[in-house]
Protein backbone atom coordinates (compact mmCIF):
# COMPACT_ATOMS: atom_id res chain seq x y z
CA UNK A 1 0.00 0.00 0.00
CA UNK A 2 1.36 3.45 -0.83
CA UNK A 3 2.10 5.70 2.13
CA UNK A 4 -0.03 8.52 0.71
CA UNK A 5 -3.07 6.19 0.78
CA UNK A 6 -2.70 5.24 4.47
CA UNK A 7 -4.92 7.27 6.81
CA UNK A 8 -5.25 7.34 10.59
CA UNK A 9 -8.36 5.39 11.63
CA UNK A 10 -8.21 3.09 8.59
CA UNK A 11 -8.98 -0.59 9.19
CA UNK A 12 -6.19 -2.77 7.75
CA UNK A 13 -4.84 -6.31 7.62
CA UNK A 14 -1.15 -7.21 7.89
CA UNK A 15 -0.07 -9.18 4.82
CA UNK A 16 1.06 -12.77 5.23
CA UNK A 17 4.39 -11.86 3.61
CA UNK A 18 5.09 -9.00 6.05
CA UNK A 19 8.49 -8.96 7.67
CA UNK A 20 8.38 -5.59 9.47
CA UNK A 21 5.70 -6.59 12.01
CA UNK A 22 6.05 -9.01 14.92
CA UNK A 23 5.35 -12.62 13.95
CA UNK A 24 2.17 -12.83 16.05
CA UNK A 25 0.57 -9.99 14.04
CA UNK A 26 1.02 -11.57 10.61
CA UNK A 27 -2.49 -11.82 9.14
CA UNK A 28 -4.03 -9.81 12.00
CA UNK A 29 -6.53 -6.97 11.65
CA UNK A 30 -6.10 -3.57 13.24
CA UNK A 31 -6.57 0.19 13.03
CA UNK A 32 -3.89 2.67 11.95
CA UNK A 33 -3.14 5.06 14.84
CA UNK A 34 -0.14 6.97 13.45
CA UNK A 35 1.42 7.54 10.02
CA UNK A 36 4.87 9.05 9.54
CA UNK A 37 5.33 11.99 7.16
CA UNK A 38 6.15 11.32 3.49
CA UNK A 39 9.65 12.77 4.02
CA UNK A 40 10.44 10.22 6.76
CA UNK A 41 13.29 7.97 5.60
CA UNK A 42 12.95 5.12 8.12
CA UNK A 43 11.44 1.69 7.50
CA UNK A 44 8.74 1.64 10.21
CA UNK A 45 6.16 4.10 8.92
CA UNK A 46 2.80 3.08 10.45
CA UNK A 47 1.65 2.31 13.99
CA UNK A 48 -1.27 -0.11 14.30
CA UNK A 49 -3.57 -0.93 17.22
CA UNK A 50 -4.65 -4.56 16.89
CA UNK A 51 -7.93 -6.12 18.03
CA UNK A 52 -6.24 -7.99 20.88
CA UNK A 53 -5.12 -4.67 22.39
CA UNK A 54 -1.51 -4.91 21.21
CA UNK A 55 0.29 -2.34 19.09
CA UNK A 56 3.19 -2.50 16.68
CA UNK A 57 5.14 -0.38 14.22
CA UNK A 58 5.58 -1.67 10.68
CA UNK A 59 6.06 -0.71 7.06
CA UNK A 60 3.17 0.67 5.03
CA UNK A 61 3.93 -1.80 2.23
CA UNK A 62 3.10 -4.70 4.58
CA UNK A 63 -0.56 -3.77 5.09
CA UNK A 64 -3.67 -3.78 2.96
CA UNK A 65 -6.96 -1.94 3.49
CA UNK A 66 -10.07 -3.81 4.60
CA UNK A 67 -13.64 -2.64 4.25
CA UNK A 68 -15.27 -2.81 7.67
C-alpha atoms as a PDB file:
ATOM      1  CA  UNK A   1       0.000   0.000   0.000  1.00  0.00           C
ATOM      2  CA  UNK A   2       1.355   3.455  -0.828  1.00  0.00           C
ATOM      3  CA  UNK A   3       2.103   5.704   2.128  1.00  0.00           C
ATOM      4  CA  UNK A   4      -0.034   8.518   0.709  1.00  0.00           C
ATOM      5  CA  UNK A   5      -3.069   6.192   0.785  1.00  0.00           C
ATOM      6  CA  UNK A   6      -2.695   5.240   4.466  1.00  0.00           C
ATOM      7  CA  UNK A   7      -4.925   7.270   6.814  1.00  0.00           C
ATOM      8  CA  UNK A   8      -5.253   7.336  10.591  1.00  0.00           C
ATOM      9  CA  UNK A   9      -8.355   5.389  11.627  1.00  0.00           C
ATOM     10  CA  UNK A  10      -8.212   3.094   8.591  1.00  0.00           C
ATOM     11  CA  UNK A  11      -8.982  -0.593   9.188  1.00  0.00           C
ATOM     12  CA  UNK A  12      -6.192  -2.767   7.748  1.00  0.00           C
ATOM     13  CA  UNK A  13      -4.841  -6.307   7.619  1.00  0.00           C
ATOM     14  CA  UNK A  14      -1.152  -7.209   7.893  1.00  0.00           C
ATOM     15  CA  UNK A  15      -0.069  -9.175   4.820  1.00  0.00           C
ATOM     16  CA  UNK A  16       1.060 -12.770   5.235  1.00  0.00           C
ATOM     17  CA  UNK A  17       4.389 -11.857   3.609  1.00  0.00           C
ATOM     18  CA  UNK A  18       5.085  -9.004   6.054  1.00  0.00           C
ATOM     19  CA  UNK A  19       8.493  -8.961   7.672  1.00  0.00           C
ATOM     20  CA  UNK A  20       8.377  -5.592   9.467  1.00  0.00           C
ATOM     21  CA  UNK A  21       5.701  -6.593  12.012  1.00  0.00           C
ATOM     22  CA  UNK A  22       6.046  -9.010  14.920  1.00  0.00           C
ATOM     23  CA  UNK A  23       5.347 -12.620  13.947  1.00  0.00           C
ATOM     24  CA  UNK A  24       2.169 -12.833  16.048  1.00  0.00           C
ATOM     25  CA  UNK A  25       0.569  -9.989  14.044  1.00  0.00           C
ATOM     26  CA  UNK A  26       1.018 -11.565  10.606  1.00  0.00           C
ATOM     27  CA  UNK A  27      -2.488 -11.825   9.138  1.00  0.00           C
ATOM     28  CA  UNK A  28      -4.029  -9.811  12.000  1.00  0.00           C
ATOM     29  CA  UNK A  29      -6.533  -6.966  11.647  1.00  0.00           C
ATOM     30  CA  UNK A  30      -6.102  -3.568  13.244  1.00  0.00           C
ATOM     31  CA  UNK A  31      -6.570   0.188  13.031  1.00  0.00           C
ATOM     32  CA  UNK A  32      -3.894   2.671  11.954  1.00  0.00           C
ATOM     33  CA  UNK A  33      -3.145   5.058  14.843  1.00  0.00           C
ATOM     34  CA  UNK A  34      -0.139   6.972  13.447  1.00  0.00           C
ATOM     35  CA  UNK A  35       1.422   7.537  10.021  1.00  0.00           C
ATOM     36  CA  UNK A  36       4.867   9.054   9.537  1.00  0.00           C
ATOM     37  CA  UNK A  37       5.330  11.993   7.158  1.00  0.00           C
ATOM     38  CA  UNK A  38       6.152  11.318   3.493  1.00  0.00           C
ATOM     39  CA  UNK A  39       9.649  12.773   4.015  1.00  0.00           C
ATOM     40  CA  UNK A  40      10.438  10.215   6.762  1.00  0.00           C
ATOM     41  CA  UNK A  41      13.294   7.967   5.600  1.00  0.00           C
ATOM     42  CA  UNK A  42      12.952   5.116   8.122  1.00  0.00           C
ATOM     43  CA  UNK A  43      11.441   1.689   7.502  1.00  0.00           C
ATOM     44  CA  UNK A  44       8.742   1.641  10.210  1.00  0.00           C
ATOM     45  CA  UNK A  45       6.156   4.104   8.915  1.00  0.00           C
ATOM     46  CA  UNK A  46       2.798   3.076  10.449  1.00  0.00           C
ATOM     47  CA  UNK A  47       1.648   2.312  13.992  1.00  0.00           C
ATOM     48  CA  UNK A  48      -1.271  -0.107  14.302  1.00  0.00           C
ATOM     49  CA  UNK A  49      -3.573  -0.933  17.223  1.00  0.00           C
ATOM     50  CA  UNK A  50      -4.645  -4.559  16.891  1.00  0.00           C
ATOM     51  CA  UNK A  51      -7.927  -6.122  18.029  1.00  0.00           C
ATOM     52  CA  UNK A  52      -6.240  -7.991  20.882  1.00  0.00           C
ATOM     53  CA  UNK A  53      -5.119  -4.667  22.386  1.00  0.00           C
ATOM     54  CA  UNK A  54      -1.512  -4.911  21.209  1.00  0.00           C
ATOM     55  CA  UNK A  55       0.291  -2.341  19.094  1.00  0.00           C
ATOM     56  CA  UNK A  56       3.194  -2.505  16.680  1.00  0.00           C
ATOM     57  CA  UNK A  57       5.141  -0.380  14.220  1.00  0.00           C
ATOM     58  CA  UNK A  58       5.581  -1.673  10.678  1.00  0.00           C
ATOM     59  CA  UNK A  59       6.062  -0.715   7.065  1.00  0.00           C
ATOM     60  CA  UNK A  60       3.166   0.670   5.033  1.00  0.00           C
ATOM     61  CA  UNK A  61       3.933  -1.803   2.233  1.00  0.00           C
ATOM     62  CA  UNK A  62       3.101  -4.698   4.583  1.00  0.00           C
ATOM     63  CA  UNK A  63      -0.561  -3.771   5.095  1.00  0.00           C
ATOM     64  CA  UNK A  64      -3.674  -3.784   2.957  1.00  0.00           C
ATOM     65  CA  UNK A  65      -6.964  -1.940   3.485  1.00  0.00           C
ATOM     66  CA  UNK A  66     -10.065  -3.814   4.602  1.00  0.00           C
ATOM     67  CA  UNK A  67     -13.637  -2.643   4.251  1.00  0.00           C
ATOM     68  CA  UNK A  68     -15.266  -2.808   7.669  1.00  0.00           C
END
